[in-house]
Amino acid sequence: MHVRQVNRLSEKAMVVLSLIALLAVLSGYFQAPQPDEGSAAHIFQLVIVALVPMILLFLATADWSRHASNARALAVPAVTLVVAFTALFYLEHYYYLQHYR
C-alpha cells in the first residue's frame, strides 16, 4: 500500500470515528440518565482512544508540502470532536439537570 493511500485511509477513518463519537453523545439526549455508564459512553471512550493512532498515522504519512490540504483534512474531525465534547459537557452539566430532576 502506498503512503498516499494510507494517508487517505487514515483521513477517512478520522472523519468516521469523530462522527461516531458525536452520534454516541447525541444519543444521550434521547434517553434518561443512567445510574452507570451506558454503552454509548463506552463507545465514545473507545472511539476517542482509536482516534489517537489514526491521527498519528495521518501525521506520519502526510505530504508536508501540501499544508492547506493537511489542515483541511484535520479540520473536519477537529470541529466534529469539539462539537461532541461540547455536547457531552452540556448534556452532563445542564441538560440532565433541567430535564430529569
N, C-alpha and C. Protein backbone atom coordinates (compact mmCIF):
# COMPACT_ATOMS: atom_id res chain seq x y z
N MET A 1 0.84 -1.16 0.00
CA MET A 1 0.00 0.00 0.00
C MET A 1 0.90 1.24 0.00
N HIS A 2 0.58 2.20 -0.81
CA HIS A 2 1.38 3.41 -0.92
C HIS A 2 1.08 4.36 0.23
N VAL A 3 2.03 5.24 0.47
CA VAL A 3 1.90 6.19 1.58
C VAL A 3 0.66 7.07 1.40
N ARG A 4 0.41 7.50 0.18
CA ARG A 4 -0.77 8.36 -0.07
C ARG A 4 -2.07 7.61 0.23
N GLN A 5 -2.12 6.33 -0.09
CA GLN A 5 -3.32 5.54 0.20
C GLN A 5 -3.52 5.38 1.70
N VAL A 6 -2.44 5.17 2.42
CA VAL A 6 -2.53 5.06 3.88
C VAL A 6 -3.00 6.39 4.47
N ASN A 7 -2.50 7.48 3.92
CA ASN A 7 -2.90 8.81 4.39
C ASN A 7 -4.39 9.04 4.15
N ARG A 8 -4.87 8.70 2.98
CA ARG A 8 -6.30 8.86 2.68
C ARG A 8 -7.16 7.97 3.57
N LEU A 9 -6.70 6.75 3.79
CA LEU A 9 -7.45 5.83 4.65
C LEU A 9 -7.51 6.37 6.08
N SER A 10 -6.39 6.86 6.59
CA SER A 10 -6.40 7.40 7.95
C SER A 10 -7.24 8.68 8.03
N GLU A 11 -7.25 9.47 6.97
CA GLU A 11 -8.10 10.66 6.93
C GLU A 11 -9.58 10.29 7.01
N LYS A 12 -9.97 9.31 6.22
CA LYS A 12 -11.37 8.86 6.26
C LYS A 12 -11.72 8.24 7.60
N ALA A 13 -10.79 7.49 8.17
CA ALA A 13 -11.04 6.87 9.47
C ALA A 13 -11.22 7.93 10.55
N MET A 14 -10.43 9.00 10.48
CA MET A 14 -10.59 10.09 11.46
C MET A 14 -11.97 10.71 11.37
N VAL A 15 -12.45 10.93 10.15
CA VAL A 15 -13.77 11.53 9.97
C VAL A 15 -14.85 10.60 10.49
N VAL A 16 -14.77 9.33 10.13
CA VAL A 16 -15.79 8.36 10.56
C VAL A 16 -15.79 8.21 12.08
N LEU A 17 -14.62 8.08 12.67
CA LEU A 17 -14.55 7.92 14.12
C LEU A 17 -15.06 9.16 14.86
N SER A 18 -14.74 10.34 14.35
CA SER A 18 -15.24 11.55 15.02
C SER A 18 -16.76 11.67 14.89
N LEU A 19 -17.31 11.25 13.75
CA LEU A 19 -18.76 11.26 13.60
C LEU A 19 -19.43 10.24 14.51
N ILE A 20 -18.81 9.09 14.69
CA ILE A 20 -19.34 8.08 15.62
C ILE A 20 -19.33 8.63 17.04
N ALA A 21 -18.27 9.34 17.40
CA ALA A 21 -18.20 9.94 18.74
C ALA A 21 -19.33 10.95 18.93
N LEU A 22 -19.56 11.76 17.92
CA LEU A 22 -20.64 12.75 18.00
C LEU A 22 -22.00 12.07 18.11
N LEU A 23 -22.23 11.04 17.32
CA LEU A 23 -23.51 10.33 17.38
C LEU A 23 -23.70 9.62 18.72
N ALA A 24 -22.63 9.12 19.29
CA ALA A 24 -22.73 8.48 20.61
C ALA A 24 -23.16 9.49 21.67
N VAL A 25 -22.62 10.70 21.58
CA VAL A 25 -23.01 11.74 22.54
C VAL A 25 -24.45 12.17 22.29
N LEU A 26 -24.80 12.38 21.03
CA LEU A 26 -26.16 12.83 20.72
C LEU A 26 -27.22 11.80 21.13
N SER A 27 -26.85 10.53 21.16
CA SER A 27 -27.82 9.51 21.59
C SER A 27 -28.21 9.70 23.06
N GLY A 28 -27.35 10.35 23.83
CA GLY A 28 -27.66 10.61 25.24
C GLY A 28 -28.80 11.59 25.42
N TYR A 29 -29.08 12.40 24.42
CA TYR A 29 -30.19 13.36 24.51
C TYR A 29 -31.55 12.68 24.34
N PHE A 30 -31.55 11.44 23.91
CA PHE A 30 -32.80 10.73 23.66
C PHE A 30 -33.08 9.63 24.68
N GLN A 31 -32.34 9.63 25.77
CA GLN A 31 -32.58 8.65 26.83
C GLN A 31 -32.35 9.30 28.19
N ALA A 32 -32.98 8.73 29.18
CA ALA A 32 -32.83 9.25 30.53
C ALA A 32 -31.43 8.94 31.05
N PRO A 33 -30.95 9.72 32.01
CA PRO A 33 -29.64 9.42 32.58
C PRO A 33 -29.63 8.05 33.24
N GLN A 34 -28.53 7.37 33.11
CA GLN A 34 -28.41 6.03 33.66
C GLN A 34 -27.57 6.08 34.93
N PRO A 35 -27.84 5.19 35.87
CA PRO A 35 -27.06 5.21 37.12
C PRO A 35 -25.59 4.86 36.88
N ASP A 36 -25.32 4.08 35.86
CA ASP A 36 -23.95 3.72 35.50
C ASP A 36 -23.76 4.11 34.04
N GLU A 37 -22.52 4.13 33.58
CA GLU A 37 -22.26 4.45 32.19
C GLU A 37 -22.95 3.43 31.28
N GLY A 38 -23.56 3.91 30.23
CA GLY A 38 -24.20 3.04 29.27
C GLY A 38 -23.26 2.65 28.15
N SER A 39 -23.79 1.96 27.19
CA SER A 39 -22.97 1.51 26.07
C SER A 39 -22.49 2.67 25.21
N ALA A 40 -23.29 3.73 25.11
CA ALA A 40 -22.87 4.90 24.31
C ALA A 40 -21.62 5.54 24.92
N ALA A 41 -21.54 5.57 26.24
CA ALA A 41 -20.35 6.14 26.89
C ALA A 41 -19.12 5.30 26.59
N HIS A 42 -19.28 4.00 26.59
CA HIS A 42 -18.15 3.12 26.28
C HIS A 42 -17.75 3.23 24.82
N ILE A 43 -18.72 3.34 23.95
CA ILE A 43 -18.41 3.53 22.53
C ILE A 43 -17.65 4.84 22.33
N PHE A 44 -18.11 5.90 22.98
CA PHE A 44 -17.44 7.19 22.89
C PHE A 44 -15.99 7.07 23.36
N GLN A 45 -15.77 6.43 24.48
CA GLN A 45 -14.42 6.29 25.02
C GLN A 45 -13.52 5.48 24.08
N LEU A 46 -14.04 4.39 23.54
CA LEU A 46 -13.25 3.57 22.62
C LEU A 46 -12.92 4.31 21.33
N VAL A 47 -13.87 5.10 20.85
CA VAL A 47 -13.64 5.86 19.62
C VAL A 47 -12.56 6.91 19.85
N ILE A 48 -12.59 7.57 20.99
CA ILE A 48 -11.57 8.58 21.29
C ILE A 48 -10.20 7.93 21.38
N VAL A 49 -10.12 6.76 21.98
CA VAL A 49 -8.84 6.04 22.05
C VAL A 49 -8.39 5.60 20.66
N ALA A 50 -9.31 5.18 19.81
CA ALA A 50 -8.97 4.75 18.46
C ALA A 50 -8.55 5.92 17.57
N LEU A 51 -9.00 7.11 17.90
CA LEU A 51 -8.63 8.29 17.11
C LEU A 51 -7.15 8.63 17.25
N VAL A 52 -6.57 8.36 18.38
CA VAL A 52 -5.17 8.73 18.61
C VAL A 52 -4.24 8.08 17.59
N PRO A 53 -4.29 6.76 17.37
CA PRO A 53 -3.40 6.19 16.35
C PRO A 53 -3.74 6.64 14.93
N MET A 54 -5.01 6.92 14.66
CA MET A 54 -5.37 7.40 13.33
C MET A 54 -4.78 8.78 13.06
N ILE A 55 -4.81 9.64 14.06
CA ILE A 55 -4.23 10.97 13.91
C ILE A 55 -2.72 10.87 13.73
N LEU A 56 -2.10 10.02 14.54
CA LEU A 56 -0.65 9.83 14.41
C LEU A 56 -0.28 9.24 13.05
N LEU A 57 -1.07 8.30 12.56
CA LEU A 57 -0.83 7.71 11.25
C LEU A 57 -1.00 8.76 10.15
N PHE A 58 -2.03 9.59 10.28
CA PHE A 58 -2.24 10.65 9.30
C PHE A 58 -1.05 11.60 9.29
N LEU A 59 -0.61 12.02 10.47
CA LEU A 59 0.51 12.95 10.54
C LEU A 59 1.80 12.33 10.03
N ALA A 60 1.99 11.04 10.27
CA ALA A 60 3.21 10.37 9.82
C ALA A 60 3.24 10.20 8.30
N THR A 61 2.08 10.08 7.67
CA THR A 61 2.04 9.85 6.23
C THR A 61 1.65 11.09 5.44
N ALA A 62 1.52 12.22 6.11
CA ALA A 62 1.08 13.45 5.44
C ALA A 62 2.18 13.98 4.51
N ASP A 63 1.76 14.57 3.41
CA ASP A 63 2.66 15.25 2.48
C ASP A 63 2.79 16.68 2.98
N TRP A 64 3.90 16.99 3.61
CA TRP A 64 4.06 18.27 4.29
C TRP A 64 4.29 19.42 3.33
N SER A 65 4.37 19.14 2.03
CA SER A 65 4.45 20.24 1.07
C SER A 65 3.05 20.78 0.76
N ARG A 66 2.01 20.08 1.21
CA ARG A 66 0.62 20.49 0.98
C ARG A 66 -0.02 20.85 2.32
N HIS A 67 0.35 21.98 2.86
CA HIS A 67 -0.12 22.40 4.18
C HIS A 67 -1.63 22.62 4.22
N ALA A 68 -2.17 23.24 3.20
CA ALA A 68 -3.61 23.54 3.18
C ALA A 68 -4.43 22.26 3.15
N SER A 69 -4.00 21.31 2.39
CA SER A 69 -4.72 20.03 2.29
C SER A 69 -4.70 19.30 3.63
N ASN A 70 -3.56 19.31 4.30
CA ASN A 70 -3.46 18.66 5.61
C ASN A 70 -4.32 19.38 6.65
N ALA A 71 -4.35 20.69 6.58
CA ALA A 71 -5.16 21.45 7.53
C ALA A 71 -6.64 21.17 7.33
N ARG A 72 -7.08 21.11 6.08
CA ARG A 72 -8.49 20.79 5.82
C ARG A 72 -8.84 19.39 6.29
N ALA A 73 -7.92 18.45 6.08
CA ALA A 73 -8.18 17.07 6.49
C ALA A 73 -8.30 16.95 8.00
N LEU A 74 -7.55 17.76 8.72
CA LEU A 74 -7.62 17.72 10.18
C LEU A 74 -8.75 18.57 10.74
N ALA A 75 -9.23 19.53 9.96
CA ALA A 75 -10.26 20.46 10.44
C ALA A 75 -11.60 19.77 10.68
N VAL A 76 -12.00 18.91 9.78
CA VAL A 76 -13.31 18.26 9.91
C VAL A 76 -13.39 17.41 11.17
N PRO A 77 -12.44 16.50 11.42
CA PRO A 77 -12.52 15.74 12.67
C PRO A 77 -12.36 16.63 13.91
N ALA A 78 -11.53 17.65 13.80
CA ALA A 78 -11.32 18.53 14.96
C ALA A 78 -12.60 19.26 15.33
N VAL A 79 -13.27 19.82 14.35
CA VAL A 79 -14.53 20.53 14.61
C VAL A 79 -15.59 19.56 15.14
N THR A 80 -15.65 18.39 14.55
CA THR A 80 -16.62 17.39 15.00
C THR A 80 -16.36 16.98 16.44
N LEU A 81 -15.11 16.82 16.80
CA LEU A 81 -14.78 16.46 18.18
C LEU A 81 -15.05 17.60 19.16
N VAL A 82 -14.81 18.82 18.74
CA VAL A 82 -15.13 19.96 19.61
C VAL A 82 -16.64 20.00 19.86
N VAL A 83 -17.41 19.78 18.82
CA VAL A 83 -18.87 19.76 18.96
C VAL A 83 -19.29 18.60 19.86
N ALA A 84 -18.66 17.44 19.70
CA ALA A 84 -19.01 16.27 20.51
C ALA A 84 -18.70 16.51 21.99
N PHE A 85 -17.52 17.04 22.27
CA PHE A 85 -17.16 17.29 23.68
C PHE A 85 -18.01 18.41 24.28
N THR A 86 -18.35 19.41 23.48
CA THR A 86 -19.23 20.48 23.95
C THR A 86 -20.62 19.94 24.25
N ALA A 87 -21.13 19.10 23.36
CA ALA A 87 -22.45 18.49 23.57
C ALA A 87 -22.43 17.58 24.79
N LEU A 88 -21.33 16.87 25.00
CA LEU A 88 -21.22 16.00 26.16
C LEU A 88 -21.20 16.81 27.45
N PHE A 89 -20.47 17.90 27.46
CA PHE A 89 -20.43 18.77 28.64
C PHE A 89 -21.81 19.33 28.94
N TYR A 90 -22.49 19.83 27.91
CA TYR A 90 -23.83 20.39 28.11
C TYR A 90 -24.80 19.30 28.58
N LEU A 91 -24.69 18.12 28.00
CA LEU A 91 -25.57 17.01 28.37
C LEU A 91 -25.43 16.66 29.84
N GLU A 92 -24.21 16.53 30.31
CA GLU A 92 -24.00 16.10 31.68
C GLU A 92 -24.20 17.20 32.71
N HIS A 93 -23.91 18.45 32.36
CA HIS A 93 -23.95 19.52 33.34
C HIS A 93 -25.21 20.37 33.32
N TYR A 94 -25.94 20.35 32.23
CA TYR A 94 -27.13 21.21 32.13
C TYR A 94 -28.39 20.44 31.69
N TYR A 95 -28.28 19.68 30.62
CA TYR A 95 -29.47 19.05 30.04
C TYR A 95 -30.11 18.07 31.02
N TYR A 96 -29.33 17.17 31.58
CA TYR A 96 -29.89 16.19 32.52
C TYR A 96 -30.46 16.89 33.75
N LEU A 97 -29.82 17.93 34.21
CA LEU A 97 -30.31 18.63 35.40
C LEU A 97 -31.64 19.33 35.14
N GLN A 98 -31.82 19.85 33.95
CA GLN A 98 -33.05 20.57 33.61
C GLN A 98 -34.21 19.63 33.27
N HIS A 99 -33.91 18.50 32.67
CA HIS A 99 -34.97 17.63 32.17
C HIS A 99 -35.26 16.42 33.05
N TYR A 100 -34.36 16.07 33.95
CA TYR A 100 -34.57 14.86 34.76
C TYR A 100 -34.28 15.13 36.23
N ARG A 101 -35.00 16.05 36.83
CA ARG A 101 -34.82 16.34 38.25
C ARG A 101 -35.62 15.38 39.08
